[in-house]
C-alpha atoms as a PDB file:
ATOM      1  CA  MET A   1     -42.685  20.987  35.367  1.00  0.00           C
ATOM      2  CA  PHE A   2     -41.991  21.804  38.742  1.00  0.00           C
ATOM      3  CA  ASN A   3     -42.479  19.754  42.037  1.00  0.00           C
ATOM      4  CA  ALA A   4     -44.342  21.650  44.601  1.00  0.00           C
ATOM      5  CA  ASP A   5     -41.935  20.834  47.158  1.00  0.00           C
ATOM      6  CA  ASP A   6     -39.238  22.510  45.126  1.00  0.00           C
ATOM      7  CA  LEU A   7     -41.193  25.658  45.496  1.00  0.00           C
ATOM      8  CA  ILE A   8     -40.837  28.781  47.730  1.00  0.00           C
ATOM      9  CA  TRP A   9     -44.194  30.882  47.166  1.00  0.00           C
ATOM     10  CA  ILE A  10     -43.492  34.414  48.239  1.00  0.00           C
ATOM     11  CA  ASP A  11     -45.381  37.551  48.536  1.00  0.00           C
ATOM     12  CA  PHE A  12     -43.936  41.022  49.859  1.00  0.00           C
ATOM     13  CA  GLU A  13     -45.669  43.800  51.385  1.00  0.00           C
ATOM     14  CA  VAL A  14     -43.950  47.187  51.204  1.00  0.00           C
ATOM     15  CA  PHE A  15     -44.525  50.389  53.142  1.00  0.00           C
ATOM     16  CA  GLY A  16     -43.776  54.225  52.022  1.00  0.00           C
ATOM     17  CA  GLY A  17     -42.184  54.793  48.814  1.00  0.00           C
ATOM     18  CA  ALA A  18     -42.176  58.384  47.665  1.00  0.00           C
ATOM     19  CA  LEU A  19     -43.321  57.277  43.846  1.00  0.00           C
ATOM     20  CA  ASP A  20     -46.218  55.806  42.368  1.00  0.00           C
ATOM     21  CA  LEU A  21     -45.815  52.122  41.551  1.00  0.00           C
ATOM     22  CA  LYS A  22     -47.948  52.213  38.357  1.00  0.00           C
ATOM     23  CA  ALA A  23     -46.082  55.511  37.165  1.00  0.00           C
ATOM     24  CA  ALA A  24     -42.549  54.422  38.112  1.00  0.00           C
ATOM     25  CA  GLY A  25     -42.560  50.814  37.909  1.00  0.00           C
ATOM     26  CA  ALA A  26     -41.305  47.919  39.936  1.00  0.00           C
ATOM     27  CA  PHE A  27     -37.755  48.527  40.203  1.00  0.00           C
ATOM     28  CA  ARG A  28     -37.701  52.258  40.175  1.00  0.00           C
ATOM     29  CA  TYR A  29     -40.297  52.239  43.136  1.00  0.00           C
ATOM     30  CA  VAL A  30     -38.491  49.504  45.137  1.00  0.00           C
ATOM     31  CA  ALA A  31     -35.291  50.941  44.703  1.00  0.00           C
ATOM     32  CA  GLU A  32     -36.388  54.296  46.171  1.00  0.00           C
ATOM     33  CA  ALA A  33     -34.696  54.985  49.882  1.00  0.00           C
ATOM     34  CA  SER A  34     -38.173  55.462  51.405  1.00  0.00           C
ATOM     35  CA  THR A  35     -39.758  52.155  50.451  1.00  0.00           C
ATOM     36  CA  HIS A  36     -39.229  49.727  53.126  1.00  0.00           C
ATOM     37  CA  THR A  37     -40.235  45.835  53.118  1.00  0.00           C
ATOM     38  CA  ILE A  38     -42.024  45.121  56.014  1.00  0.00           C
ATOM     39  CA  VAL A  39     -44.074  41.800  55.488  1.00  0.00           C
ATOM     40  CA  LEU A  40     -43.190  38.562  53.643  1.00  0.00           C
ATOM     41  CA  SER A  41     -45.538  35.978  53.297  1.00  0.00           C
ATOM     42  CA  TYR A  42     -44.309  32.683  52.132  1.00  0.00           C
ATOM     43  CA  ALA A  43     -44.697  28.765  52.107  1.00  0.00           C
ATOM     44  CA  ILE A  44     -42.367  26.552  51.503  1.00  0.00           C
ATOM     45  CA  GLY A  45     -43.401  23.586  49.358  1.00  0.00           C
ATOM     46  CA  ASN A  46     -46.888  22.043  50.399  1.00  0.00           C
ATOM     47  CA  ALA A  47     -45.982  23.716  54.217  1.00  0.00           C
ATOM     48  CA  PRO A  48     -49.020  25.773  55.625  1.00  0.00           C
ATOM     49  CA  ALA A  49     -48.175  29.671  54.789  1.00  0.00           C
ATOM     50  CA  LEU A  50     -46.095  31.913  57.194  1.00  0.00           C
ATOM     51  CA  THR A  51     -45.895  35.832  57.327  1.00  0.00           C
ATOM     52  CA  TRP A  52     -42.351  37.367  58.960  1.00  0.00           C
ATOM     53  CA  HIS A  53     -42.556  41.150  59.736  1.00  0.00           C
ATOM     54  CA  ALA A  54     -40.381  43.093  61.639  1.00  0.00           C
ATOM     55  CA  ASP A  55     -42.849  45.310  63.973  1.00  0.00           C
ATOM     56  CA  GLY A  56     -42.675  47.883  61.184  1.00  0.00           C
ATOM     57  CA  ALA A  57     -39.241  47.933  60.356  1.00  0.00           C
ATOM     58  CA  ILE A  58     -37.535  46.694  57.320  1.00  0.00           C
ATOM     59  CA  LEU A  59     -36.705  43.020  56.560  1.00  0.00           C
ATOM     60  CA  ASP A  60     -33.265  41.790  57.792  1.00  0.00           C
ATOM     61  CA  TRP A  61     -31.834  38.587  56.207  1.00  0.00           C
ATOM     62  CA  ASN A  62     -29.728  38.547  59.555  1.00  0.00           C
ATOM     63  CA  CYS A  63     -32.976  37.700  61.392  1.00  0.00           C
ATOM     64  CA  ALA A  64     -34.816  35.390  58.859  1.00  0.00           C
ATOM     65  CA  PRO A  65     -36.816  32.452  59.536  1.00  0.00           C
ATOM     66  CA  ASN A  66     -33.970  29.349  59.724  1.00  0.00           C
ATOM     67  CA  GLU A  67     -36.658  27.319  57.090  1.00  0.00           C
ATOM     68  CA  LEU A  68     -36.465  30.117  54.649  1.00  0.00           C
ATOM     69  CA  ARG A  69     -32.844  30.429  54.558  1.00  0.00           C
ATOM     70  CA  ALA A  70     -32.646  26.800  54.662  1.00  0.00           C
ATOM     71  CA  ALA A  71     -34.950  26.707  51.709  1.00  0.00           C
ATOM     72  CA  TYR A  72     -32.702  29.842  49.697  1.00  0.00           C
ATOM     73  CA  GLU A  73     -29.648  27.978  50.261  1.00  0.00           C
ATOM     74  CA  ARG A  74     -31.056  24.895  49.001  1.00  0.00           C
ATOM     75  CA  ARG A  75     -31.794  26.532  46.000  1.00  0.00           C
ATOM     76  CA  LYS A  76     -35.360  26.040  45.600  1.00  0.00           C
ATOM     77  CA  THR A  77     -37.332  28.137  43.234  1.00  0.00           C
ATOM     78  CA  PHE A  78     -39.094  30.822  43.966  1.00  0.00           C
ATOM     79  CA  ALA A  79     -42.602  31.482  42.659  1.00  0.00           C
ATOM     80  CA  ALA A  80     -44.808  35.029  43.081  1.00  0.00           C
ATOM     81  CA  TRP A  81     -47.755  36.095  41.593  1.00  0.00           C
ATOM     82  CA  ASN A  82     -46.105  39.330  39.297  1.00  0.00           C
ATOM     83  CA  ALA A  83     -42.753  38.041  40.243  1.00  0.00           C
ATOM     84  CA  SER A  84     -40.921  40.756  38.896  1.00  0.00           C
ATOM     85  CA  PHE A  85     -41.981  43.222  41.586  1.00  0.00           C
ATOM     86  CA  ASP A  86     -41.339  40.290  44.276  1.00  0.00           C
ATOM     87  CA  ALA A  87     -38.071  39.658  43.050  1.00  0.00           C
ATOM     88  CA  ALA A  88     -37.018  43.175  43.018  1.00  0.00           C
ATOM     89  CA  VAL A  89     -38.443  43.650  46.447  1.00  0.00           C
ATOM     90  CA  TRP A  90     -36.126  40.592  47.493  1.00  0.00           C
ATOM     91  CA  ASN A  91     -33.182  42.395  45.712  1.00  0.00           C
ATOM     92  CA  TYR A  92     -33.445  46.134  46.344  1.00  0.00           C
ATOM     93  CA  ALA A  93     -36.043  47.010  49.102  1.00  0.00           C
ATOM     94  CA  THR A  94     -34.551  44.468  52.347  1.00  0.00           C
ATOM     95  CA  LEU A  95     -31.366  44.454  54.392  1.00  0.00           C
ATOM     96  CA  GLY A  96     -28.633  41.984  53.611  1.00  0.00           C
ATOM     97  CA  PHE A  97     -30.758  39.570  51.496  1.00  0.00           C
ATOM     98  CA  PRO A  98     -28.754  37.683  49.120  1.00  0.00           C
ATOM     99  CA  PHE A  99     -29.316  37.923  45.407  1.00  0.00           C
ATOM    100  CA  LEU A 100     -32.096  36.163  43.752  1.00  0.00           C
ATOM    101  CA  ALA A 101     -31.248  35.193  40.420  1.00  0.00           C
ATOM    102  CA  PRO A 102     -34.021  35.517  37.503  1.00  0.00           C
ATOM    103  CA  GLU A 103     -33.280  32.123  36.714  1.00  0.00           C
ATOM    104  CA  ARG A 104     -34.596  30.959  40.304  1.00  0.00           C
ATOM    105  CA  VAL A 105     -38.048  32.704  39.628  1.00  0.00           C
ATOM    106  CA  ILE A 106     -41.281  31.699  38.032  1.00  0.00           C
ATOM    107  CA  ASP A 107     -44.178  33.910  37.779  1.00  0.00           C
ATOM    108  CA  PRO A 108     -47.586  31.776  37.943  1.00  0.00           C
ATOM    109  CA  MET A 109     -49.201  35.198  36.560  1.00  0.00           C
ATOM    110  CA  VAL A 110     -47.218  34.881  33.280  1.00  0.00           C
ATOM    111  CA  GLN A 111     -47.904  31.212  32.977  1.00  0.00           C
ATOM    112  CA  ALA A 112     -51.475  31.882  33.455  1.00  0.00           C
ATOM    113  CA  GLY A 113     -51.845  34.569  30.860  1.00  0.00           C
ATOM    114  CA  VAL A 114     -49.835  32.423  28.295  1.00  0.00           C
ATOM    115  CA  SER A 115     -52.637  29.711  28.878  1.00  0.00           C
ATOM    116  CA  ASN A 116     -55.506  32.038  28.314  1.00  0.00           C
ATOM    117  CA  LEU A 117     -56.320  32.429  31.847  1.00  0.00           C
ATOM    118  CA  PRO A 118     -56.868  35.893  34.146  1.00  0.00           C
ATOM    119  CA  THR A 119     -53.976  37.663  35.114  1.00  0.00           C
ATOM    120  CA  ASP A 120     -55.518  39.357  37.685  1.00  0.00           C
ATOM    121  CA  LEU A 121     -55.729  37.705  41.130  1.00  0.00           C
ATOM    122  CA  GLU A 122     -59.768  38.618  41.469  1.00  0.00           C
ATOM    123  CA  HIS A 123     -60.562  36.692  38.300  1.00  0.00           C
ATOM    124  CA  ALA A 124     -57.747  34.204  38.353  1.00  0.00           C
ATOM    125  CA  ASP A 125     -59.848  31.771  40.542  1.00  0.00           C
ATOM    126  CA  PRO A 126     -63.368  31.347  39.826  1.00  0.00           C
ATOM    127  CA  ASN A 127     -63.790  31.073  43.426  1.00  0.00           C
ATOM    128  CA  VAL A 128     -63.010  34.236  44.423  1.00  0.00           C
ATOM    129  CA  GLN A 129     -66.307  35.826  43.424  1.00  0.00           C
ATOM    130  CA  HIS A 130     -67.987  33.637  46.337  1.00  0.00           C
ATOM    131  CA  ARG A 131     -65.561  35.039  48.876  1.00  0.00           C
ATOM    132  CA  ARG A 132     -65.277  38.860  49.723  1.00  0.00           C
ATOM    133  CA  ARG A 133     -61.438  39.000  50.631  1.00  0.00           C
ATOM    134  CA  GLU A 134     -61.020  42.113  53.005  1.00  0.00           C
ATOM    135  CA  PRO A 135     -58.748  43.957  53.355  1.00  0.00           C
ATOM    136  CA  THR A 136     -57.198  44.071  49.891  1.00  0.00           C
ATOM    137  CA  ARG A 137     -54.236  45.868  48.676  1.00  0.00           C
ATOM    138  CA  MET A 138     -56.477  48.630  46.910  1.00  0.00           C
ATOM    139  CA  SER A 139     -58.981  48.902  49.404  1.00  0.00           C
ATOM    140  CA  GLY A 140     -57.202  48.541  52.840  1.00  0.00           C
ATOM    141  CA  GLY A 141     -54.023  46.810  52.782  1.00  0.00           C
ATOM    142  CA  VAL A 142     -51.991  49.713  53.970  1.00  0.00           C
ATOM    143  CA  GLU A 143     -54.570  50.082  56.951  1.00  0.00           C
ATOM    144  CA  ALA A 144     -54.006  46.544  57.702  1.00  0.00           C
ATOM    145  CA  LEU A 145     -50.420  46.582  57.577  1.00  0.00           C
ATOM    146  CA  SER A 146     -50.487  49.445  59.949  1.00  0.00           C
ATOM    147  CA  ARG A 147     -52.448  47.183  62.614  1.00  0.00           C
ATOM    148  CA  LEU A 148     -49.903  44.406  61.873  1.00  0.00           C
ATOM    149  CA  CYS A 149     -46.862  46.488  62.521  1.00  0.00           C
ATOM    150  CA  ALA A 150     -48.540  48.247  65.373  1.00  0.00           C
ATOM    151  CA  SER A 151     -49.924  44.990  67.146  1.00  0.00           C
ATOM    152  CA  GLY A 152     -47.940  42.102  66.200  1.00  0.00           C
ATOM    153  CA  CYS A 153     -49.448  38.768  65.608  1.00  0.00           C
ATOM    154  CA  ARG A 154     -50.674  38.354  68.499  1.00  0.00           C
ATOM    155  CA  GLY A 155     -49.570  35.243  68.993  1.00  0.00           C
ATOM    156  CA  ASP A 156     -50.267  33.592  65.766  1.00  0.00           C
ATOM    157  CA  ALA A 157     -47.989  30.483  65.183  1.00  0.00           C
ATOM    158  CA  ARG A 158     -47.925  31.284  61.484  1.00  0.00           C
ATOM    159  CA  CYS A 159     -46.553  34.891  61.915  1.00  0.00           C
ATOM    160  CA  VAL A 160     -42.666  35.094  62.880  1.00  0.00           C
ATOM    161  CA  SER A 161     -41.642  38.297  64.067  1.00  0.00           C
ATOM    162  CA  GLN A 162     -38.141  39.447  63.377  1.00  0.00           C
ATOM    163  CA  ASN A 163     -37.957  40.667  66.926  1.00  0.00           C
ATOM    164  CA  ALA A 164     -39.119  37.715  68.379  1.00  0.00           C
ATOM    165  CA  PRO A 165     -36.154  34.980  70.284  1.00  0.00           C
ATOM    166  CA  ALA A 166     -35.081  32.532  67.803  1.00  0.00           C
ATOM    167  CA  ALA A 167     -36.989  28.981  67.975  1.00  0.00           C
ATOM    168  CA  ALA A 168     -34.489  26.294  69.202  1.00  0.00           C
END
């Protein structure tokens, strides 16, 4: 069993990539030189979710938020829906990130599947059908990411820009 305080929930967004993700597979896609990781949403334990971006540039560990670096160094376990993709992004489509070993990653999607629950996010939460979540990765995610990267987070305290001065 995992204690929620011992988890780091992550979700990467990547931009570009000359390959088709479904055709190439996660590893080959993220290892492609034209694929850039530009946004990481994360939550440490039960803390609110945060978003780290680099104004459209690739994420660089040297500029990572201090709380994320500290959580990694404390050997927290990482959790991600479809974790093979996010772990591959962490290890191969970023700059200077420390290696994220497989034994430090859990996949709630796989856990849902072995519990005979839906493995797609749209159906995994029975409440999702009552909420319209836009944009989605398939319908407008690239457009939304482009807007985010062009305009930054406009002062949202939950959003950390890699290019912003570090907090004291």
